[in-house]
Amino acid sequence: MPLFEVNVLHSFRMKYVIDAQCLEHAFDEVTMNQSGADKDAFDEISQKFLGDQIIDGREISTEEFVKICRNLQADKDELCAVHCESLIRKIDYNS
C-alpha cells in the first residue's frame, strides 16, 4: 500500500499568571521565556486541548520516507523518533 505523510497541528491553550507592572510586560515574559528550552521557563497553571487541524498531506514513496526520517533526525530543532520506520501506522482493513 502507498504511504502518506500527514501534517497535523495540535492546539493547546496554556494559562499563566504573571506578576508584572503592566500587561505588555506579562506578554513579553511569556513570549521571551516560553519559546524554548530556556532555563528561565516556568510552568503554566493549566492547559486545555483545543483540537487537531490537518494542515496538509501527500503520498510519498518509501525512498522519500527514508529521506524524511534522515532529515528529521539531523534537524536539531525537530524531535524525531530514532526508529521512525516502526512508527508507520497501518490501517487494518480486515477487521
PDB file of N, CA and C in Angstrom:
ATOM      1  N   MET A   1       0.843  -1.184   0.000  1.00  0.00           N
ATOM      2  CA  MET A   1       0.000   0.000   0.000  1.00  0.00           C
ATOM      3  C   MET A   1       0.886   1.245   0.000  1.00  0.00           C
ATOM      4  N   PRO A   2       0.363   2.336  -0.497  1.00  0.00           N
ATOM      5  CA  PRO A   2       1.149   3.579  -0.509  1.00  0.00           C
ATOM      6  C   PRO A   2       1.290   4.162   0.898  1.00  0.00           C
ATOM      7  N   LEU A   3       2.281   5.011   1.055  1.00  0.00           N
ATOM      8  CA  LEU A   3       2.484   5.759   2.298  1.00  0.00           C
ATOM      9  C   LEU A   3       1.968   7.174   2.108  1.00  0.00           C
ATOM     10  N   PHE A   4       1.474   7.763   3.193  1.00  0.00           N
ATOM     11  CA  PHE A   4       1.001   9.145   3.160  1.00  0.00           C
ATOM     12  C   PHE A   4       1.600   9.906   4.333  1.00  0.00           C
ATOM     13  N   GLU A   5       2.148  11.064   4.031  1.00  0.00           N
ATOM     14  CA  GLU A   5       2.632  11.980   5.067  1.00  0.00           C
ATOM     15  C   GLU A   5       1.475  12.919   5.385  1.00  0.00           C
ATOM     16  N   VAL A   6       1.094  12.995   6.662  1.00  0.00           N
ATOM     17  CA  VAL A   6       0.005  13.872   7.095  1.00  0.00           C
ATOM     18  C   VAL A   6       0.559  14.788   8.183  1.00  0.00           C
ATOM     19  N   ASN A   7       0.443  16.092   7.997  1.00  0.00           N
ATOM     20  CA  ASN A   7       0.914  17.085   8.967  1.00  0.00           C
ATOM     21  C   ASN A   7      -0.286  17.644   9.726  1.00  0.00           C
ATOM     22  N   VAL A   8      -0.187  17.584  11.058  1.00  0.00           N
ATOM     23  CA  VAL A   8      -1.295  17.974  11.923  1.00  0.00           C
ATOM     24  C   VAL A   8      -0.808  19.002  12.934  1.00  0.00           C
ATOM     25  N   LEU A   9      -1.642  19.996  13.183  1.00  0.00           N
ATOM     26  CA  LEU A   9      -1.379  20.982  14.222  1.00  0.00           C
ATOM     27  C   LEU A   9      -2.243  20.631  15.426  1.00  0.00           C
ATOM     28  N   HIS A  10      -1.592  20.365  16.576  1.00  0.00           N
ATOM     29  CA  HIS A  10      -2.306  20.111  17.831  1.00  0.00           C
ATOM     30  C   HIS A  10      -2.343  21.438  18.584  1.00  0.00           C
ATOM     31  N   SER A  11      -3.513  21.877  18.975  1.00  0.00           N
ATOM     32  CA  SER A  11      -3.649  23.179  19.638  1.00  0.00           C
ATOM     33  C   SER A  11      -3.973  23.013  21.122  1.00  0.00           C
ATOM     34  N   PHE A  12      -3.235  23.748  21.931  1.00  0.00           N
ATOM     35  CA  PHE A  12      -3.475  23.797  23.366  1.00  0.00           C
ATOM     36  C   PHE A  12      -3.573  25.252  23.793  1.00  0.00           C
ATOM     37  N   ARG A  13      -4.437  25.521  24.757  1.00  0.00           N
ATOM     38  CA  ARG A  13      -4.478  26.834  25.395  1.00  0.00           C
ATOM     39  C   ARG A  13      -3.747  26.686  26.716  1.00  0.00           C
ATOM     40  N   MET A  14      -2.704  27.490  26.928  1.00  0.00           N
ATOM     41  CA  MET A  14      -1.955  27.485  28.179  1.00  0.00           C
ATOM     42  C   MET A  14      -2.337  28.732  28.969  1.00  0.00           C
ATOM     43  N   LYS A  15      -2.467  28.574  30.285  1.00  0.00           N
ATOM     44  CA  LYS A  15      -2.804  29.710  31.139  1.00  0.00           C
ATOM     45  C   LYS A  15      -1.668  29.940  32.126  1.00  0.00           C
ATOM     46  N   TYR A  16      -1.169  31.180  32.178  1.00  0.00           N
ATOM     47  CA  TYR A  16      -0.094  31.575  33.084  1.00  0.00           C
ATOM     48  C   TYR A  16      -0.590  32.715  33.954  1.00  0.00           C
ATOM     49  N   VAL A  17      -0.016  32.846  35.128  1.00  0.00           N
ATOM     50  CA  VAL A  17      -0.246  34.023  35.974  1.00  0.00           C
ATOM     51  C   VAL A  17       1.105  34.682  36.179  1.00  0.00           C
ATOM     52  N   ILE A  18       1.200  35.953  35.796  1.00  0.00           N
ATOM     53  CA  ILE A  18       2.464  36.692  35.809  1.00  0.00           C
ATOM     54  C   ILE A  18       2.330  37.903  36.722  1.00  0.00           C
ATOM     55  N   ASP A  19       3.277  38.079  37.602  1.00  0.00           N
ATOM     56  CA  ASP A  19       3.361  39.264  38.458  1.00  0.00           C
ATOM     57  C   ASP A  19       4.222  40.285  37.706  1.00  0.00           C
ATOM     58  N   ALA A  20       3.602  41.360  37.184  1.00  0.00           N
ATOM     59  CA  ALA A  20       4.314  42.340  36.362  1.00  0.00           C
ATOM     60  C   ALA A  20       3.720  43.728  36.564  1.00  0.00           C
ATOM     61  N   GLN A  21       4.423  44.749  36.087  1.00  0.00           N
ATOM     62  CA  GLN A  21       3.946  46.132  36.204  1.00  0.00           C
ATOM     63  C   GLN A  21       2.815  46.441  35.237  1.00  0.00           C
ATOM     64  N   CYS A  22       2.786  45.756  34.077  1.00  0.00           N
ATOM     65  CA  CYS A  22       1.729  46.008  33.101  1.00  0.00           C
ATOM     66  C   CYS A  22       1.529  44.757  32.230  1.00  0.00           C
ATOM     67  N   LEU A  23       0.410  44.727  31.513  1.00  0.00           N
ATOM     68  CA  LEU A  23       0.059  43.575  30.695  1.00  0.00           C
ATOM     69  C   LEU A  23       1.107  43.296  29.624  1.00  0.00           C
ATOM     70  N   GLU A  24       1.636  44.349  29.000  1.00  0.00           N
ATOM     71  CA  GLU A  24       2.641  44.166  27.962  1.00  0.00           C
ATOM     72  C   GLU A  24       3.874  43.441  28.503  1.00  0.00           C
ATOM     73  N   HIS A  25       4.279  43.756  29.739  1.00  0.00           N
ATOM     74  CA  HIS A  25       5.417  43.075  30.350  1.00  0.00           C
ATOM     75  C   HIS A  25       5.093  41.602  30.600  1.00  0.00           C
ATOM     76  N   ALA A  26       3.855  41.322  30.999  1.00  0.00           N
ATOM     77  CA  ALA A  26       3.439  39.929  31.194  1.00  0.00           C
ATOM     78  C   ALA A  26       3.480  39.176  29.872  1.00  0.00           C
ATOM     79  N   PHE A  27       2.992  39.807  28.795  1.00  0.00           N
ATOM     80  CA  PHE A  27       3.068  39.191  27.466  1.00  0.00           C
ATOM     81  C   PHE A  27       4.525  38.896  27.099  1.00  0.00           C
ATOM     82  N   ASP A  28       5.397  39.877  27.310  1.00  0.00           N
ATOM     83  CA  ASP A  28       6.816  39.718  26.988  1.00  0.00           C
ATOM     84  C   ASP A  28       7.441  38.579  27.792  1.00  0.00           C
ATOM     85  N   GLU A  29       7.069  38.466  29.057  1.00  0.00           N
ATOM     86  CA  GLU A  29       7.628  37.413  29.908  1.00  0.00           C
ATOM     87  C   GLU A  29       7.288  36.031  29.357  1.00  0.00           C
ATOM     88  N   VAL A  30       6.052  35.852  28.933  1.00  0.00           N
ATOM     89  CA  VAL A  30       5.648  34.567  28.362  1.00  0.00           C
ATOM     90  C   VAL A  30       6.350  34.336  27.035  1.00  0.00           C
ATOM     91  N   THR A  31       6.350  35.344  26.170  1.00  0.00           N
ATOM     92  CA  THR A  31       6.956  35.204  24.847  1.00  0.00           C
ATOM     93  C   THR A  31       8.449  34.923  24.934  1.00  0.00           C
ATOM     94  N   MET A  32       9.157  35.633  25.774  1.00  0.00           N
ATOM     95  CA  MET A  32      10.614  35.524  25.839  1.00  0.00           C
ATOM     96  C   MET A  32      11.087  34.284  26.590  1.00  0.00           C
ATOM     97  N   ASN A  33      10.325  33.795  27.554  1.00  0.00           N
ATOM     98  CA  ASN A  33      10.804  32.703  28.394  1.00  0.00           C
ATOM     99  C   ASN A  33      10.158  31.355  28.111  1.00  0.00           C
ATOM    100  N   GLN A  34       9.141  31.300  27.284  1.00  0.00           N
ATOM    101  CA  GLN A  34       8.479  30.037  26.995  1.00  0.00           C
ATOM    102  C   GLN A  34       8.767  29.564  25.579  1.00  0.00           C
ATOM    103  N   SER A  35       9.655  30.221  24.871  1.00  0.00           N
ATOM    104  CA  SER A  35       9.878  29.925  23.459  1.00  0.00           C
ATOM    105  C   SER A  35      10.816  28.748  23.206  1.00  0.00           C
ATOM    106  N   GLY A  36      11.375  28.147  24.232  1.00  0.00           N
ATOM    107  CA  GLY A  36      12.291  27.033  24.013  1.00  0.00           C
ATOM    108  C   GLY A  36      12.694  26.405  25.324  1.00  0.00           C
ATOM    109  N   ALA A  37      13.787  25.680  25.294  1.00  0.00           N
ATOM    110  CA  ALA A  37      14.284  25.008  26.493  1.00  0.00           C
ATOM    111  C   ALA A  37      15.103  26.002  27.316  1.00  0.00           C
ATOM    112  N   ASP A  38      14.490  27.093  27.673  1.00  0.00           N
ATOM    113  CA  ASP A  38      15.149  28.167  28.410  1.00  0.00           C
ATOM    114  C   ASP A  38      15.189  27.814  29.899  1.00  0.00           C
ATOM    115  N   LYS A  39      16.304  28.121  30.542  1.00  0.00           N
ATOM    116  CA  LYS A  39      16.427  27.858  31.975  1.00  0.00           C
ATOM    117  C   LYS A  39      15.454  28.702  32.787  1.00  0.00           C
ATOM    118  N   ASP A  40      14.944  29.800  32.209  1.00  0.00           N
ATOM    119  CA  ASP A  40      14.002  30.660  32.905  1.00  0.00           C
ATOM    120  C   ASP A  40      12.553  30.314  32.616  1.00  0.00           C
ATOM    121  N   ALA A  41      12.304  29.224  31.895  1.00  0.00           N
ATOM    122  CA  ALA A  41      10.926  28.826  31.586  1.00  0.00           C
ATOM    123  C   ALA A  41      10.182  28.522  32.886  1.00  0.00           C
ATOM    124  N   PHE A  42       8.898  28.694  32.863  1.00  0.00           N
ATOM    125  CA  PHE A  42       8.070  28.478  34.045  1.00  0.00           C
ATOM    126  C   PHE A  42       6.824  27.700  33.635  1.00  0.00           C
ATOM    127  N   ASP A  43       6.156  27.137  34.622  1.00  0.00           N
ATOM    128  CA  ASP A  43       5.014  26.266  34.361  1.00  0.00           C
ATOM    129  C   ASP A  43       3.714  27.043  34.235  1.00  0.00           C
ATOM    130  N   GLU A  44       2.852  26.521  33.395  1.00  0.00           N
ATOM    131  CA  GLU A  44       1.502  27.060  33.274  1.00  0.00           C
ATOM    132  C   GLU A  44       0.660  26.563  34.450  1.00  0.00           C
ATOM    133  N   ILE A  45      -0.403  27.300  34.787  1.00  0.00           N
ATOM    134  CA  ILE A  45      -1.299  26.834  35.852  1.00  0.00           C
ATOM    135  C   ILE A  45      -2.352  25.880  35.295  1.00  0.00           C
ATOM    136  N   SER A  46      -2.584  25.934  33.998  1.00  0.00           N
ATOM    137  CA  SER A  46      -3.493  24.970  33.372  1.00  0.00           C
ATOM    138  C   SER A  46      -3.246  24.951  31.876  1.00  0.00           C
ATOM    139  N   GLN A  47      -3.757  23.886  31.249  1.00  0.00           N
ATOM    140  CA  GLN A  47      -3.750  23.808  29.802  1.00  0.00           C
ATOM    141  C   GLN A  47      -4.989  23.058  29.376  1.00  0.00           C
ATOM    142  N   LYS A  48      -5.467  23.396  28.186  1.00  0.00           N
ATOM    143  CA  LYS A  48      -6.675  22.781  27.654  1.00  0.00           C
ATOM    144  C   LYS A  48      -6.431  22.436  26.189  1.00  0.00           C
ATOM    145  N   PHE A  49      -6.722  21.183  25.828  1.00  0.00           N
ATOM    146  CA  PHE A  49      -6.579  20.750  24.441  1.00  0.00           C
ATOM    147  C   PHE A  49      -7.727  21.328  23.621  1.00  0.00           C
ATOM    148  N   LEU A  50      -7.402  22.017  22.533  1.00  0.00           N
ATOM    149  CA  LEU A  50      -8.409  22.675  21.701  1.00  0.00           C
ATOM    150  C   LEU A  50      -8.743  21.913  20.427  1.00  0.00           C
ATOM    151  N   GLY A  51      -7.950  20.896  20.114  1.00  0.00           N
ATOM    152  CA  GLY A  51      -8.272  20.089  18.943  1.00  0.00           C
ATOM    153  C   GLY A  51      -7.118  19.952  17.975  1.00  0.00           C
ATOM    154  N   ASP A  52      -7.384  19.173  16.935  1.00  0.00           N
ATOM    155  CA  ASP A  52      -6.419  18.927  15.872  1.00  0.00           C
ATOM    156  C   ASP A  52      -6.893  19.578  14.583  1.00  0.00           C
ATOM    157  N   GLN A  53      -5.950  20.019  13.800  1.00  0.00           N
ATOM    158  CA  GLN A  53      -6.247  20.564  12.481  1.00  0.00           C
ATOM    159  C   GLN A  53      -5.253  19.967  11.494  1.00  0.00           C
ATOM    160  N   ILE A  54      -5.773  19.246  10.496  1.00  0.00           N
ATOM    161  CA  ILE A  54      -4.892  18.708   9.473  1.00  0.00           C
ATOM    162  C   ILE A  54      -4.447  19.853   8.578  1.00  0.00           C
ATOM    163  N   ILE A  55      -3.137  20.032   8.486  1.00  0.00           N
ATOM    164  CA  ILE A  55      -2.559  21.128   7.705  1.00  0.00           C
ATOM    165  C   ILE A  55      -2.442  20.733   6.236  1.00  0.00           C
ATOM    166  N   ASP A  56      -1.843  19.566   6.001  1.00  0.00           N
ATOM    167  CA  ASP A  56      -1.710  19.086   4.630  1.00  0.00           C
ATOM    168  C   ASP A  56      -1.327  17.614   4.647  1.00  0.00           C
ATOM    169  N   GLY A  57      -1.251  17.035   3.477  1.00  0.00           N
ATOM    170  CA  GLY A  57      -0.862  15.645   3.337  1.00  0.00           C
ATOM    171  C   GLY A  57      -0.496  15.363   1.893  1.00  0.00           C
ATOM    172  N   ARG A  58       0.264  14.272   1.710  1.00  0.00           N
ATOM    173  CA  ARG A  58       0.655  13.905   0.356  1.00  0.00           C
ATOM    174  C   ARG A  58       1.097  12.449   0.361  1.00  0.00           C
ATOM    175  N   GLU A  59       1.015  11.822  -0.789  1.00  0.00           N
ATOM    176  CA  GLU A  59       1.518  10.467  -0.946  1.00  0.00           C
ATOM    177  C   GLU A  59       3.032  10.534  -1.095  1.00  0.00           C
ATOM    178  N   ILE A  60       3.737   9.611  -0.428  1.00  0.00           N
ATOM    179  CA  ILE A  60       5.190   9.565  -0.511  1.00  0.00           C
ATOM    180  C   ILE A  60       5.644   8.141  -0.813  1.00  0.00           C
ATOM    181  N   SER A  61       6.823   8.033  -1.385  1.00  0.00           N
ATOM    182  CA  SER A  61       7.426   6.726  -1.666  1.00  0.00           C
ATOM    183  C   SER A  61       8.210   6.281  -0.429  1.00  0.00           C
ATOM    184  N   THR A  62       8.601   5.030  -0.420  1.00  0.00           N
ATOM    185  CA  THR A  62       9.445   4.510   0.656  1.00  0.00           C
ATOM    186  C   THR A  62      10.772   5.262   0.698  1.00  0.00           C
ATOM    187  N   GLU A  63      11.319   5.575  -0.465  1.00  0.00           N
ATOM    188  CA  GLU A  63      12.585   6.319  -0.530  1.00  0.00           C
ATOM    189  C   GLU A  63      12.427   7.714   0.076  1.00  0.00           C
ATOM    190  N   GLU A  64      11.299   8.380  -0.233  1.00  0.00           N
ATOM    191  CA  GLU A  64      11.050   9.701   0.355  1.00  0.00           C
ATOM    192  C   GLU A  64      10.919   9.598   1.872  1.00  0.00           C
ATOM    193  N   PHE A  65      10.253   8.536   2.333  1.00  0.00           N
ATOM    194  CA  PHE A  65      10.090   8.340   3.776  1.00  0.00           C
ATOM    195  C   PHE A  65      11.444   8.209   4.469  1.00  0.00           C
ATOM    196  N   VAL A  66      12.340   7.420   3.905  1.00  0.00           N
ATOM    197  CA  VAL A  66      13.679   7.244   4.479  1.00  0.00           C
ATOM    198  C   VAL A  66      14.409   8.586   4.515  1.00  0.00           C
ATOM    199  N   LYS A  67      14.296   9.359   3.443  1.00  0.00           N
ATOM    200  CA  LYS A  67      14.936  10.680   3.387  1.00  0.00           C
ATOM    201  C   LYS A  67      14.336  11.622   4.424  1.00  0.00           C
ATOM    202  N   ILE A  68      13.010  11.599   4.582  1.00  0.00           N
ATOM    203  CA  ILE A  68      12.343  12.431   5.589  1.00  0.00           C
ATOM    204  C   ILE A  68      12.880  12.088   6.975  1.00  0.00           C
ATOM    205  N   CYS A  69      12.976  10.790   7.280  1.00  0.00           N
ATOM    206  CA  CYS A  69      13.481  10.359   8.592  1.00  0.00           C
ATOM    207  C   CYS A  69      14.900  10.851   8.832  1.00  0.00           C
ATOM    208  N   ARG A  70      15.758  10.693   7.848  1.00  0.00           N
ATOM    209  CA  ARG A  70      17.150  11.147   7.993  1.00  0.00           C
ATOM    210  C   ARG A  70      17.216  12.654   8.227  1.00  0.00           C
ATOM    211  N   ASN A  71      16.445  13.403   7.459  1.00  0.00           N
ATOM    212  CA  ASN A  71      16.455  14.866   7.605  1.00  0.00           C
ATOM    213  C   ASN A  71      15.921  15.291   8.967  1.00  0.00           C
ATOM    214  N   LEU A  72      14.871  14.628   9.441  1.00  0.00           N
ATOM    215  CA  LEU A  72      14.307  14.968  10.744  1.00  0.00           C
ATOM    216  C   LEU A  72      15.280  14.643  11.872  1.00  0.00           C
ATOM    217  N   GLN A  73      15.945  13.512  11.774  1.00  0.00           N
ATOM    218  CA  GLN A  73      16.892  13.120  12.813  1.00  0.00           C
ATOM    219  C   GLN A  73      18.108  14.041  12.848  1.00  0.00           C
ATOM    220  N   ALA A  74      18.462  14.639  11.727  1.00  0.00           N
ATOM    221  CA  ALA A  74      19.600  15.561  11.662  1.00  0.00           C
ATOM    222  C   ALA A  74      19.233  16.973  12.100  1.00  0.00           C
ATOM    223  N   ASP A  75      17.942  17.275  12.154  1.00  0.00           N
ATOM    224  CA  ASP A  75      17.474  18.623  12.487  1.00  0.00           C
ATOM    225  C   ASP A  75      17.435  18.797  14.008  1.00  0.00           C
ATOM    226  N   LYS A  76      18.253  19.694  14.528  1.00  0.00           N
ATOM    227  CA  LYS A  76      18.331  19.917  15.966  1.00  0.00           C
ATOM    228  C   LYS A  76      17.065  20.570  16.534  1.00  0.00           C
ATOM    229  N   ASP A  77      16.261  21.182  15.680  1.00  0.00           N
ATOM    230  CA  ASP A  77      15.032  21.836  16.128  1.00  0.00           C
ATOM    231  C   ASP A  77      13.801  20.935  16.030  1.00  0.00           C
ATOM    232  N   GLU A  78      14.008  19.691  15.623  1.00  0.00           N
ATOM    233  CA  GLU A  78      12.890  18.763  15.409  1.00  0.00           C
ATOM    234  C   GLU A  78      13.060  17.565  16.333  1.00  0.00           C
ATOM    235  N   LEU A  79      11.997  17.208  17.047  1.00  0.00           N
ATOM    236  CA  LEU A  79      12.017  15.989  17.851  1.00  0.00           C
ATOM    237  C   LEU A  79      11.561  14.851  16.957  1.00  0.00           C
ATOM    238  N   CYS A  80      12.382  13.829  16.829  1.00  0.00           N
ATOM    239  CA  CYS A  80      12.075  12.726  15.925  1.00  0.00           C
ATOM    240  C   CYS A  80      12.487  11.408  16.569  1.00  0.00           C
ATOM    241  N   ALA A  81      11.648  10.384  16.417  1.00  0.00           N
ATOM    242  CA  ALA A  81      11.967   9.058  16.922  1.00  0.00           C
ATOM    243  C   ALA A  81      13.192   8.510  16.190  1.00  0.00           C
ATOM    244  N   VAL A  82      14.041   7.802  16.910  1.00  0.00           N
ATOM    245  CA  VAL A  82      15.248   7.240  16.312  1.00  0.00           C
ATOM    246  C   VAL A  82      14.895   6.224  15.237  1.00  0.00           C
ATOM    247  N   HIS A  83      13.920   5.394  15.504  1.00  0.00           N
ATOM    248  CA  HIS A  83      13.496   4.373  14.546  1.00  0.00           C
ATOM    249  C   HIS A  83      12.116   4.739  14.017  1.00  0.00           C
ATOM    250  N   CYS A  84      12.046   5.763  13.195  1.00  0.00           N
ATOM    251  CA  CYS A  84      10.729   6.221  12.748  1.00  0.00           C
ATOM    252  C   CYS A  84      10.016   5.197  11.874  1.00  0.00           C
ATOM    253  N   GLU A  85      10.759   4.236  11.304  1.00  0.00           N
ATOM    254  CA  GLU A  85      10.114   3.199  10.496  1.00  0.00           C
ATOM    255  C   GLU A  85       9.101   2.402  11.316  1.00  0.00           C
ATOM    256  N   SER A  86       9.390   2.220  12.611  1.00  0.00           N
ATOM    257  CA  SER A  86       8.485   1.452  13.472  1.00  0.00           C
ATOM    258  C   SER A  86       7.213   2.220  13.812  1.00  0.00           C
ATOM    259  N   LEU A  87       7.159   3.491  13.446  1.00  0.00           N
ATOM    260  CA  LEU A  87       6.001   4.319  13.774  1.00  0.00           C
ATOM    261  C   LEU A  87       5.008   4.473  12.627  1.00  0.00           C
ATOM    262  N   ILE A  88       5.227   3.764  11.526  1.00  0.00           N
ATOM    263  CA  ILE A  88       4.267   3.833  10.424  1.00  0.00           C
ATOM    264  C   ILE A  88       2.960   3.209  10.884  1.00  0.00           C
ATOM    265  N   ARG A  89       1.899   3.952  10.822  1.00  0.00           N
ATOM    266  CA  ARG A  89       0.572   3.467  11.216  1.00  0.00           C
ATOM    267  C   ARG A  89      -0.039   2.717  10.028  1.00  0.00           C
ATOM    268  N   LYS A  90      -0.422   1.467  10.252  1.00  0.00           N
ATOM    269  CA  LYS A  90      -1.037   0.659   9.187  1.00  0.00           C
ATOM    270  C   LYS A  90      -2.502   0.454   9.502  1.00  0.00           C
ATOM    271  N   ILE A  91      -3.352   0.795   8.565  1.00  0.00           N
ATOM    272  CA  ILE A  91      -4.794   0.610   8.749  1.00  0.00           C
ATOM    273  C   ILE A  91      -5.124  -0.857   8.476  1.00  0.00           C
ATOM    274  N   ASP A  92      -5.846  -1.474   9.421  1.00  0.00           N
ATOM    275  CA  ASP A  92      -6.280  -2.870   9.250  1.00  0.00           C
ATOM    276  C   ASP A  92      -7.668  -2.845   8.617  1.00  0.00           C
ATOM    277  N   TYR A  93      -7.723  -3.121   7.330  1.00  0.00           N
ATOM    278  CA  TYR A  93      -8.983  -3.085   6.604  1.00  0.00           C
ATOM    279  C   TYR A  93      -9.778  -4.392   6.741  1.00  0.00           C
ATOM    280  N   ASN A  94      -9.219  -5.376   7.454  1.00  0.00           N
ATOM    281  CA  ASN A  94      -9.871  -6.675   7.576  1.00  0.00           C
ATOM    282  C   ASN A  94     -10.714  -6.813   8.834  1.00  0.00           C
ATOM    283  N   SER A  95     -10.695  -5.854   9.722  1.00  0.00           N
ATOM    284  CA  SER A  95     -11.484  -6.020  10.950  1.00  0.00           C
ATOM    285  C   SER A  95     -12.665  -5.092  11.008  1.00  0.00           C
TER     286      SER A  95
END
